[in-house]
C-alpha atoms as a PDB file:
ATOM      1  CA  MET A   1     -27.775  -6.557 -46.336  1.00  0.00           C
ATOM      2  CA  LEU A   2     -24.090  -5.869 -45.938  1.00  0.00           C
ATOM      3  CA  ASN A   3     -24.652  -2.130 -46.543  1.00  0.00           C
ATOM      4  CA  ARG A   4     -27.248  -2.094 -43.708  1.00  0.00           C
ATOM      5  CA  LEU A   5     -24.808  -3.783 -41.312  1.00  0.00           C
ATOM      6  CA  LEU A   6     -22.073  -1.320 -42.255  1.00  0.00           C
ATOM      7  CA  ILE A   7     -24.381   1.651 -41.787  1.00  0.00           C
ATOM      8  CA  LEU A   8     -25.606   0.280 -38.416  1.00  0.00           C
ATOM      9  CA  GLY A   9     -22.015  -0.285 -37.285  1.00  0.00           C
ATOM     10  CA  LEU A  10     -21.000   3.279 -38.212  1.00  0.00           C
ATOM     11  CA  ALA A  11     -24.106   4.665 -36.496  1.00  0.00           C
ATOM     12  CA  LEU A  12     -23.179   2.802 -33.275  1.00  0.00           C
ATOM     13  CA  LEU A  13     -19.668   4.187 -33.344  1.00  0.00           C
ATOM     14  CA  VAL A  14     -20.989   7.724 -33.623  1.00  0.00           C
ATOM     15  CA  VAL A  15     -23.717   7.230 -30.921  1.00  0.00           C
ATOM     16  CA  LEU A  16     -21.645   5.408 -28.303  1.00  0.00           C
ATOM     17  CA  PRO A  17     -20.066   7.801 -25.803  1.00  0.00           C
ATOM     18  CA  ALA A  18     -16.363   8.355 -25.824  1.00  0.00           C
ATOM     19  CA  PRO A  19     -14.430   7.078 -22.807  1.00  0.00           C
ATOM     20  CA  THR A  20     -14.397   9.573 -19.975  1.00  0.00           C
ATOM     21  CA  PRO A  21     -11.102  10.946 -18.662  1.00  0.00           C
ATOM     22  CA  VAL A  22      -9.655   9.553 -15.441  1.00  0.00           C
ATOM     23  CA  TYR A  23      -9.983  11.792 -12.435  1.00  0.00           C
ATOM     24  CA  ALA A  24      -8.154  11.734  -9.125  1.00  0.00           C
ATOM     25  CA  ASP A  25     -10.028  10.228  -6.211  1.00  0.00           C
ATOM     26  CA  GLN A  26      -9.491   9.326  -2.561  1.00  0.00           C
ATOM     27  CA  PRO A  27      -6.560   6.892  -3.255  1.00  0.00           C
ATOM     28  CA  GLU A  28      -4.552   9.757  -4.823  1.00  0.00           C
ATOM     29  CA  ALA A  29      -5.458  12.044  -1.892  1.00  0.00           C
ATOM     30  CA  ARG A  30      -4.360   9.337   0.517  1.00  0.00           C
ATOM     31  CA  GLU A  31      -0.970   9.081  -1.250  1.00  0.00           C
ATOM     32  CA  VAL A  32      -0.454  12.877  -1.063  1.00  0.00           C
ATOM     33  CA  ALA A  33      -1.185  12.710   2.691  1.00  0.00           C
ATOM     34  CA  ARG A  34       1.320   9.878   3.190  1.00  0.00           C
ATOM     35  CA  ILE A  35       3.994  11.822   1.261  1.00  0.00           C
ATOM     36  CA  ASN A  36       3.405  14.769   3.676  1.00  0.00           C
ATOM     37  CA  ASN A  37       3.889  12.590   6.816  1.00  0.00           C
ATOM     38  CA  CYS A  38       0.224  12.210   7.550  1.00  0.00           C
ATOM     39  CA  PRO A  39      -0.891   8.588   7.855  1.00  0.00           C
ATOM     40  CA  PRO A  40      -4.598   9.007   6.971  1.00  0.00           C
ATOM     41  CA  LYS A  41      -7.218   8.014   9.463  1.00  0.00           C
ATOM     42  CA  LYS A  42     -10.280   9.440   7.714  1.00  0.00           C
ATOM     43  CA  ILE A  43     -10.823  11.142   4.318  1.00  0.00           C
ATOM     44  CA  ASP A  44     -13.872  13.390   3.819  1.00  0.00           C
ATOM     45  CA  VAL A  45     -15.021  15.503   0.913  1.00  0.00           C
ATOM     46  CA  TYR A  46     -14.512  19.124   2.106  1.00  0.00           C
ATOM     47  CA  GLN A  47     -15.660  20.866  -1.070  1.00  0.00           C
ATOM     48  CA  SER A  48     -16.668  19.585  -4.520  1.00  0.00           C
ATOM     49  CA  THR A  49     -17.175  21.532  -7.755  1.00  0.00           C
ATOM     50  CA  PRO A  50     -19.163  19.517 -10.336  1.00  0.00           C
ATOM     51  CA  GLY A  51     -18.701  19.907 -14.067  1.00  0.00           C
ATOM     52  CA  SER A  52     -16.331  18.821 -16.783  1.00  0.00           C
ATOM     53  CA  ASP A  53     -13.471  20.743 -15.209  1.00  0.00           C
ATOM     54  CA  GLY A  54     -14.552  20.386 -11.622  1.00  0.00           C
ATOM     55  CA  HIS A  55     -12.301  19.681  -8.704  1.00  0.00           C
ATOM     56  CA  THR A  56     -12.614  18.172  -5.207  1.00  0.00           C
ATOM     57  CA  ILE A  57     -11.009  19.284  -1.970  1.00  0.00           C
ATOM     58  CA  TYR A  58     -10.546  16.447   0.573  1.00  0.00           C
ATOM     59  CA  GLN A  59     -10.024  16.881   4.358  1.00  0.00           C
ATOM     60  CA  VAL A  60      -7.666  14.149   5.519  1.00  0.00           C
ATOM     61  CA  THR A  61      -7.498  13.476   9.257  1.00  0.00           C
ATOM     62  CA  CYS A  62      -4.082  12.282  10.292  1.00  0.00           C
ATOM     63  CA  THR A  63      -3.205   9.448  12.694  1.00  0.00           C
ATOM     64  CA  LEU A  64      -0.842  11.229  15.131  1.00  0.00           C
ATOM     65  CA  PRO A  65       1.380   9.445  17.571  1.00  0.00           C
ATOM     66  CA  LYS A  66       0.462   9.657  21.334  1.00  0.00           C
ATOM     67  CA  THR A  67       2.507  12.155  23.312  1.00  0.00           C
ATOM     68  CA  THR A  68       2.839  12.465  27.049  1.00  0.00           C
ATOM     69  CA  ASP A  69       4.221  15.971  27.010  1.00  0.00           C
ATOM     70  CA  THR A  70       1.371  18.259  27.995  1.00  0.00           C
ATOM     71  CA  SER A  71       3.354  21.432  27.419  1.00  0.00           C
ATOM     72  CA  ALA A  72       3.962  20.613  23.736  1.00  0.00           C
ATOM     73  CA  ALA A  73       2.124  22.834  21.289  1.00  0.00           C
ATOM     74  CA  ALA A  74      -0.651  21.088  19.356  1.00  0.00           C
ATOM     75  CA  GLY A  75       0.212  21.074  15.683  1.00  0.00           C
ATOM     76  CA  PRO A  76      -2.024  20.516  12.725  1.00  0.00           C
ATOM     77  CA  ASP A  77      -3.901  17.215  12.751  1.00  0.00           C
ATOM     78  CA  ALA A  78      -5.431  17.319   9.315  1.00  0.00           C
ATOM     79  CA  LEU A  79      -4.609  18.283   5.697  1.00  0.00           C
ATOM     80  CA  LEU A  80      -6.626  19.891   2.906  1.00  0.00           C
ATOM     81  CA  ILE A  81      -5.754  18.240  -0.359  1.00  0.00           C
ATOM     82  CA  SER A  82      -7.028  19.529  -3.731  1.00  0.00           C
ATOM     83  CA  CYS A  83      -7.599  17.112  -6.593  1.00  0.00           C
ATOM     84  CA  ASP A  84      -8.094  18.472 -10.114  1.00  0.00           C
ATOM     85  CA  GLN A  85      -8.390  16.021 -13.031  1.00  0.00           C
ATOM     86  CA  SER A  86      -5.590  13.497 -12.413  1.00  0.00           C
ATOM     87  CA  LEU A  87      -3.461  15.650 -10.044  1.00  0.00           C
ATOM     88  CA  CYS A  88      -3.716  16.035  -6.297  1.00  0.00           C
ATOM     89  CA  GLU A  89      -1.705  18.561  -4.273  1.00  0.00           C
ATOM     90  CA  LEU A  90      -1.479  19.712  -0.688  1.00  0.00           C
ATOM     91  CA  LEU A  91      -3.320  22.975  -0.005  1.00  0.00           C
ATOM     92  CA  ARG A  92      -2.566  23.489   3.660  1.00  0.00           C
ATOM     93  CA  PRO A  93      -2.422  21.779   7.048  1.00  0.00           C
ATOM     94  CA  ILE A  94      -5.299  22.583   9.429  1.00  0.00           C
ATOM     95  CA  THR A  95      -6.051  22.031  13.106  1.00  0.00           C
ATOM     96  CA  LEU A  96      -9.417  20.390  13.780  1.00  0.00           C
ATOM     97  CA  GLU A  97     -11.662  21.577  16.594  1.00  0.00           C
ATOM     98  CA  LYS A  98     -11.675  19.234  19.552  1.00  0.00           C
ATOM     99  CA  LYS A  99     -15.130  18.146  20.752  1.00  0.00           C
END
């Protein structure tokens, strides 16, 4: 009886899946945006590559302060942030099209 329980216990250890690694997600992308002076208003998935070594690119729309100067050049109002495994980094700032 004890041998059967021992064998069953060892079989369960082999069959149970190993813990999956932790991957970066929207909170990490939000933190990268904040570090780059972009208070996030909206975070969308821009591109996603599935798989064990996949990565995700997020488009983060920034909350910009209101300006009254109409002659000021419009700067970038969003960021592209790439997250791979547990690391997120800024790819580039982008200017969104106005509707």
